Amino acid sequence: MSDRDKLIDWAIELQQISQSALYFCKNEYDIERFERVRQISAEIMALKSGLDINVVKGLFCNEVGYQTPKIDTRAALFRDNKILLVQENTGFWALPGGWADIGNSLKENALRELWEEAGIKGEAKTLVACIDKSYSTLKRHPFGVYSFLILCEYIEGEFKPNIETIASDYFSRDNLPELAPFKTTIEQIDLSFEAHFSQNWKTRFD
């Protein structure tokens, strides 16, 4: 399978169209047709991924209402001009972060993830970028994701193992570990370093 498979792109688009249509349409015949469109999109994803169709439907077709991108926040924190990364249970490394919780601001979400995953209390200083991950990576998410990258300053704290991460460390740009697929990209790392060294950073966005 190619990194950017058109069948997966089409399956994602069909799922988005059918989910929105099922939310708005009232005619029972239209509902039946769009349920079939959604089923076809899940069958394509199952075929391309090798996952069981019921697993795919649980991950890919489990929402109701007009579909909008999910929000991901990532904290970029530096010490001695090296960037903080946390190691997940998978062994891969990532910027501290995750899905945004309703009721918390972008800043609050970023600082919460920094505390939960790295054991560090920080101060959010700059919105580095808003990245549409469908453009920033060749491998597609099954749903749209906007990732907000926030430059933070260290206040206090140190890493403690937790249910999400098993280690943390600081890395120079030319000595990065293997990054967690879908969660942290080289683009995010590069933008973080640029913002860290900039005297007058302007937020980047897709």
Protein backbone atom coordinates (compact mmCIF):
# COMPACT_ATOMS: atom_id res chain seq x y z
CA MET A 1 0.00 0.00 0.00
CA SER A 2 1.33 3.44 -0.87
CA ASP A 3 1.80 5.98 1.91
CA ARG A 4 -0.99 8.12 0.52
CA ASP A 5 -3.54 5.65 -0.84
CA LYS A 6 -6.39 7.26 -2.77
CA LEU A 7 -8.83 4.56 -1.65
CA ILE A 8 -8.23 5.59 1.97
CA ASP A 9 -8.72 9.25 1.06
CA TRP A 10 -12.01 8.38 -0.63
CA ALA A 11 -13.13 6.18 2.28
CA ILE A 12 -12.51 9.04 4.71
CA GLU A 13 -14.45 11.45 2.49
CA LEU A 14 -17.36 9.00 2.12
CA GLN A 15 -17.49 8.54 5.89
CA GLN A 16 -17.56 12.32 6.45
CA ILE A 17 -20.32 12.83 3.87
CA SER A 18 -22.46 9.98 5.18
CA GLN A 19 -22.09 10.97 8.84
CA SER A 20 -23.21 14.52 8.15
CA ALA A 21 -26.05 13.34 5.89
CA LEU A 22 -27.33 10.88 8.51
CA TYR A 23 -27.46 13.71 11.03
CA PHE A 24 -29.52 16.02 8.84
CA CYS A 25 -31.66 13.84 6.58
CA LYS A 26 -35.16 12.71 7.62
CA ASN A 27 -36.30 10.59 4.70
CA GLU A 28 -36.09 6.90 5.59
CA TYR A 29 -34.90 5.96 2.10
CA ASP A 30 -32.10 8.54 2.23
CA ILE A 31 -31.12 7.29 5.68
CA GLU A 32 -30.88 3.75 4.34
CA ARG A 33 -28.74 4.89 1.39
CA PHE A 34 -26.31 6.88 3.54
CA GLU A 35 -26.02 4.06 6.06
CA ARG A 36 -24.92 1.90 3.13
CA VAL A 37 -22.40 4.56 2.04
CA ARG A 38 -20.98 4.59 5.57
CA GLN A 39 -20.80 0.80 5.55
CA ILE A 40 -18.90 0.87 2.25
CA SER A 41 -16.41 3.37 3.67
CA ALA A 42 -15.79 1.06 6.63
CA GLU A 43 -15.38 -1.95 4.33
CA ILE A 44 -12.74 -0.08 2.31
CA MET A 45 -10.85 0.87 5.48
CA ALA A 46 -11.03 -2.73 6.73
CA LEU A 47 -9.75 -4.02 3.40
CA LYS A 48 -6.82 -1.60 3.32
CA SER A 49 -5.90 -1.89 7.01
CA GLY A 50 -6.42 -5.61 7.53
CA LEU A 51 -8.53 -4.94 10.63
CA ASP A 52 -11.83 -6.66 11.39
CA ILE A 53 -14.80 -4.70 10.03
CA ASN A 54 -16.35 -4.36 13.51
CA VAL A 55 -13.11 -2.90 14.87
CA VAL A 56 -13.00 -0.41 12.00
CA LYS A 57 -16.63 0.61 12.52
CA GLY A 58 -15.96 1.16 16.22
CA LEU A 59 -13.01 3.45 15.48
CA PHE A 60 -14.07 5.02 12.21
CA CYS A 61 -17.88 5.21 12.28
CA ASN A 62 -18.62 5.79 15.95
CA GLU A 63 -19.71 9.43 15.97
CA VAL A 64 -23.01 11.22 15.38
CA GLY A 65 -23.49 14.71 13.98
CA TYR A 66 -21.67 17.01 11.61
CA GLN A 67 -18.05 15.86 11.51
CA THR A 68 -15.36 18.39 12.40
CA PRO A 69 -11.61 17.99 13.01
CA LYS A 70 -10.39 16.81 16.40
CA ILE A 71 -8.09 19.08 18.42
CA ASP A 72 -4.64 17.93 19.54
CA THR A 73 -2.31 20.04 21.70
CA ARG A 74 1.47 19.59 21.97
CA ALA A 75 3.82 21.32 24.41
CA ALA A 76 7.30 22.33 23.21
CA LEU A 77 9.62 22.94 26.16
CA PHE A 78 13.38 23.56 26.02
CA ARG A 79 16.24 23.37 28.49
CA ASP A 80 19.81 24.11 27.42
CA ASN A 81 18.47 24.52 23.88
CA LYS A 82 17.29 20.91 23.79
CA ILE A 83 13.66 19.90 23.34
CA LEU A 84 11.70 17.78 25.81
CA LEU A 85 10.26 14.51 24.51
CA VAL A 86 8.46 11.75 26.39
CA GLN A 87 8.70 8.04 25.65
CA GLU A 88 5.42 6.21 25.31
CA ASN A 89 4.69 2.60 26.22
CA THR A 90 5.19 1.73 22.55
CA GLY A 91 8.83 2.81 22.79
CA PHE A 92 8.36 5.79 20.47
CA TRP A 93 8.96 9.39 21.55
CA ALA A 94 6.65 12.40 21.27
CA LEU A 95 6.08 15.95 22.37
CA PRO A 96 3.92 15.90 25.52
CA GLY A 97 0.33 16.26 24.42
CA GLY A 98 -2.95 14.68 23.44
CA TRP A 99 -6.60 15.31 22.64
CA ALA A 100 -8.07 18.53 24.02
CA ASP A 101 -10.68 18.14 26.74
CA ILE A 102 -13.92 20.09 26.59
CA GLY A 103 -13.99 22.81 29.24
CA ASN A 104 -10.26 23.52 29.06
CA SER A 105 -8.56 26.13 26.89
CA LEU A 106 -5.75 25.27 24.48
CA LYS A 107 -3.28 26.61 27.03
CA GLU A 108 -4.82 24.59 29.86
CA ASN A 109 -4.82 21.41 27.80
CA ALA A 110 -1.17 21.81 26.82
CA LEU A 111 -0.07 22.46 30.40
CA ARG A 112 -2.16 19.57 31.74
CA GLU A 113 -0.57 17.15 29.27
CA LEU A 114 2.89 18.51 30.12
CA TRP A 115 2.23 17.79 33.79
CA GLU A 116 0.59 14.38 33.28
CA GLU A 117 3.12 13.00 30.79
CA ALA A 118 6.36 14.71 31.87
CA GLY A 119 5.77 15.68 35.51
CA ILE A 120 6.60 19.30 34.72
CA LYS A 121 4.75 22.46 35.64
CA GLY A 122 5.22 25.01 32.91
CA GLU A 123 4.02 28.33 31.59
CA ALA A 124 2.53 28.59 28.11
CA LYS A 125 4.23 31.43 26.24
CA THR A 126 3.62 31.27 22.49
CA LEU A 127 1.28 29.59 20.03
CA VAL A 128 3.86 28.27 17.60
CA ALA A 129 1.57 26.77 14.97
CA CYS A 130 -1.76 25.23 14.08
CA ILE A 131 -1.06 22.28 11.81
CA ASP A 132 -3.58 20.35 9.75
CA LYS A 133 -2.14 16.86 10.04
CA SER A 134 -3.73 15.73 6.79
CA TYR A 135 -1.19 18.03 5.12
CA SER A 136 1.75 17.50 7.45
CA THR A 137 2.06 13.72 7.13
CA LEU A 138 1.78 11.28 4.25
CA LYS A 139 -0.05 8.75 6.41
CA ARG A 140 -3.70 9.70 6.89
CA HIS A 141 -5.62 9.86 10.12
CA PRO A 142 -9.07 8.29 9.81
CA PHE A 143 -10.46 11.70 10.83
CA GLY A 144 -9.31 15.30 10.55
CA VAL A 145 -6.88 16.58 13.19
CA TYR A 146 -5.77 20.14 13.95
CA SER A 147 -2.65 20.08 16.11
CA PHE A 148 -1.83 23.19 18.16
CA LEU A 149 1.85 23.51 19.07
CA ILE A 150 2.53 25.66 22.14
CA LEU A 151 5.93 26.87 23.32
CA CYS A 152 6.22 26.54 27.10
CA GLU A 153 8.72 27.55 29.77
CA TYR A 154 9.89 25.29 32.60
CA ILE A 155 8.79 26.21 36.13
CA GLU A 156 9.42 23.10 38.21
CA GLY A 157 9.06 19.34 38.37
CA GLU A 158 10.68 16.16 37.13
CA PHE A 159 9.57 13.04 35.33
CA LYS A 160 7.74 10.25 37.14
CA PRO A 161 6.62 7.06 35.34
CA ASN A 162 2.88 7.03 34.68
CA ILE A 163 0.25 5.12 32.72
CA GLU A 164 1.05 6.95 29.47
CA THR A 165 4.82 7.48 29.43
CA ILE A 166 7.84 5.56 30.70
CA ALA A 167 10.64 8.12 30.34
CA SER A 168 11.51 11.66 29.30
CA ASP A 169 14.64 13.34 28.00
CA TYR A 170 15.91 16.41 26.17
CA PHE A 171 17.23 16.14 22.62
CA SER A 172 19.14 18.30 20.18
CA ARG A 173 17.77 18.65 16.65
CA ASP A 174 20.47 16.41 15.19
CA ASN A 175 20.04 13.63 17.76
CA LEU A 176 16.32 12.85 17.79
CA PRO A 177 14.95 9.44 18.79
CA GLU A 178 12.32 7.58 16.75
CA LEU A 179 9.17 9.68 16.84
CA ALA A 180 5.68 8.32 17.51
CA PRO A 181 3.79 7.99 14.21
CA PHE A 182 0.81 10.35 13.85
CA LYS A 183 1.57 12.12 17.16
CA THR A 184 4.75 14.11 16.57
CA THR A 185 6.22 15.07 13.21
CA ILE A 186 9.59 16.43 12.13
CA GLU A 187 7.71 19.55 11.02
CA GLN A 188 6.54 20.14 14.61
CA ILE A 189 10.06 19.62 15.94
CA ASP A 190 11.55 22.03 13.40
CA LEU A 191 8.92 24.69 14.12
CA SER A 192 9.55 24.31 17.84
CA PHE A 193 13.29 24.92 17.43
CA GLU A 194 12.66 27.89 15.14
CA ALA A 195 10.23 29.46 17.62
CA HIS A 196 12.56 28.80 20.55
CA PHE A 197 15.42 30.71 18.92
CA SER A 198 13.22 33.45 17.42
CA GLN A 199 12.99 36.91 18.95
CA ASN A 200 9.71 37.75 17.24
CA TRP A 201 7.87 34.56 16.35
CA LYS A 202 4.72 34.74 14.25
CA THR A 203 2.25 31.87 14.53
CA ARG A 204 2.23 29.53 11.52
CA PHE A 205 -0.97 27.91 10.34
CA ASP A 206 -2.19 25.82 7.42
